[in-house]
C-alpha cells in the first residue's frame, strides 16, 4: 500500500488543505483525487504527491497535469490552452 498526500486548493483559502490517502495502484489514486475534487464546488485543484514528488494534479476544468518528468506533455497542454485563449480574444 502506498501513501499519497492530496493538497486540495479551494476558493476559501490561499493555503491548501492536506489529506492523506492510501492506494495500491495509480488508477485508484486518480479516482480518489477525482472524488476529492468533486466533493465540493469550492474545490478548484487537487495536487497528488507521493513523498515530496508531484505525481499529478487535476483541476475543475478537467485538466490533469502530470509530474514535471512529463514536461513535454505539460507544455503541449499549456500551448493548447494558450491557443484557445488567443482564439477567444481573452
Protein backbone atom coordinates (compact mmCIF):
# COMPACT_ATOMS: atom_id res chain seq x y z
CA UNK A 1 0.00 0.00 0.00
CA UNK A 2 1.35 3.41 -0.99
CA UNK A 3 0.55 6.67 0.82
CA UNK A 4 -0.23 9.85 -1.11
CA UNK A 5 -0.71 13.44 0.00
CA UNK A 6 -3.57 15.41 -1.53
CA UNK A 7 -3.17 19.18 -1.43
CA UNK A 8 -6.69 20.48 -2.03
CA UNK A 9 -6.94 24.09 -3.21
CA UNK A 10 -10.25 25.86 -2.58
CA UNK A 11 -11.87 29.22 -3.10
CA UNK A 12 -11.91 29.76 0.69
CA UNK A 13 -8.21 29.75 1.48
CA UNK A 14 -4.83 30.58 -0.01
CA UNK A 15 -3.42 27.58 1.86
CA UNK A 16 -4.40 24.15 0.52
CA UNK A 17 -5.91 21.51 2.79
CA UNK A 18 -3.83 18.40 3.30
CA UNK A 19 -5.44 14.95 3.13
CA UNK A 20 -3.66 11.59 3.16
CA UNK A 21 -4.90 8.67 1.04
CA UNK A 22 -3.62 5.13 0.61
CA UNK A 23 -3.90 3.11 -2.57
CA UNK A 24 -2.29 0.15 -4.28
CA UNK A 25 -2.22 1.46 -7.85
CA UNK A 26 -2.25 4.64 -9.93
CA UNK A 27 -5.79 4.16 -11.20
CA UNK A 28 -7.15 4.00 -7.64
CA UNK A 29 -5.33 7.14 -6.55
CA UNK A 30 -6.52 9.03 -9.64
CA UNK A 31 -10.12 8.04 -8.87
CA UNK A 32 -9.73 9.16 -5.24
CA UNK A 33 -8.39 12.53 -6.45
CA UNK A 34 -11.36 12.93 -8.80
CA UNK A 35 -13.74 12.16 -5.91
CA UNK A 36 -11.94 14.65 -3.64
CA UNK A 37 -12.26 17.36 -6.29
CA UNK A 38 -15.96 16.65 -6.87
CA UNK A 39 -16.91 16.71 -3.17
CA UNK A 40 -17.44 20.47 -3.14
CA UNK A 41 -17.88 23.21 -5.74
CA UNK A 42 -15.37 25.30 -3.79
CA UNK A 43 -12.58 22.83 -4.59
CA UNK A 44 -10.51 24.04 -7.53
CA UNK A 45 -7.47 21.80 -7.76
CA UNK A 46 -6.05 18.64 -6.19
CA UNK A 47 -2.29 18.08 -6.22
CA UNK A 48 -1.31 14.46 -5.64
CA UNK A 49 2.14 13.82 -4.18
CA UNK A 50 4.00 10.71 -3.13
CA UNK A 51 6.64 11.67 -0.59
CA UNK A 52 7.87 15.01 -1.98
CA UNK A 53 7.29 14.17 -5.67
CA UNK A 54 4.34 15.59 -7.60
CA UNK A 55 2.59 12.64 -9.22
CA UNK A 56 -0.13 14.69 -10.96
CA UNK A 57 -2.73 17.36 -10.31
CA UNK A 58 -6.27 17.69 -11.55
CA UNK A 59 -8.43 20.80 -11.74
CA UNK A 60 -12.08 21.79 -12.25
CA UNK A 61 -11.55 22.36 -15.96
CA UNK A 62 -10.75 18.70 -16.46
CA UNK A 63 -7.06 19.32 -16.95
CA UNK A 64 -4.91 16.62 -15.40
CA UNK A 65 -1.30 17.74 -15.09
CA UNK A 66 1.33 15.08 -14.90
CA UNK A 67 4.52 15.31 -12.93
CA UNK A 68 7.27 17.58 -14.22
CA UNK A 69 9.07 14.50 -15.55
CA UNK A 70 6.48 14.56 -18.32
CA UNK A 71 7.25 18.21 -19.10
CA UNK A 72 6.64 17.77 -22.82
CA UNK A 73 3.02 16.75 -22.15
CA UNK A 74 2.59 19.72 -19.80
CA UNK A 75 3.99 22.10 -22.41
CA UNK A 76 1.60 20.72 -25.03
CA UNK A 77 -1.35 21.26 -22.66
CA UNK A 78 -0.21 24.82 -21.91
CA UNK A 79 0.21 25.57 -25.62
CA UNK A 80 -3.28 24.21 -26.28
CA UNK A 81 -4.81 26.40 -23.55
CA UNK A 82 -2.89 29.46 -24.75
CA UNK A 83 -4.16 28.88 -28.30
CA UNK A 84 -7.76 28.66 -27.05
CA UNK A 85 -7.34 31.94 -25.18
CA UNK A 86 -5.93 33.65 -28.28
CA UNK A 87 -8.87 32.43 -30.36
CA UNK A 88 -11.43 33.60 -27.80
CA UNK A 89 -9.82 37.04 -27.63
CA UNK A 90 -9.14 36.84 -23.88
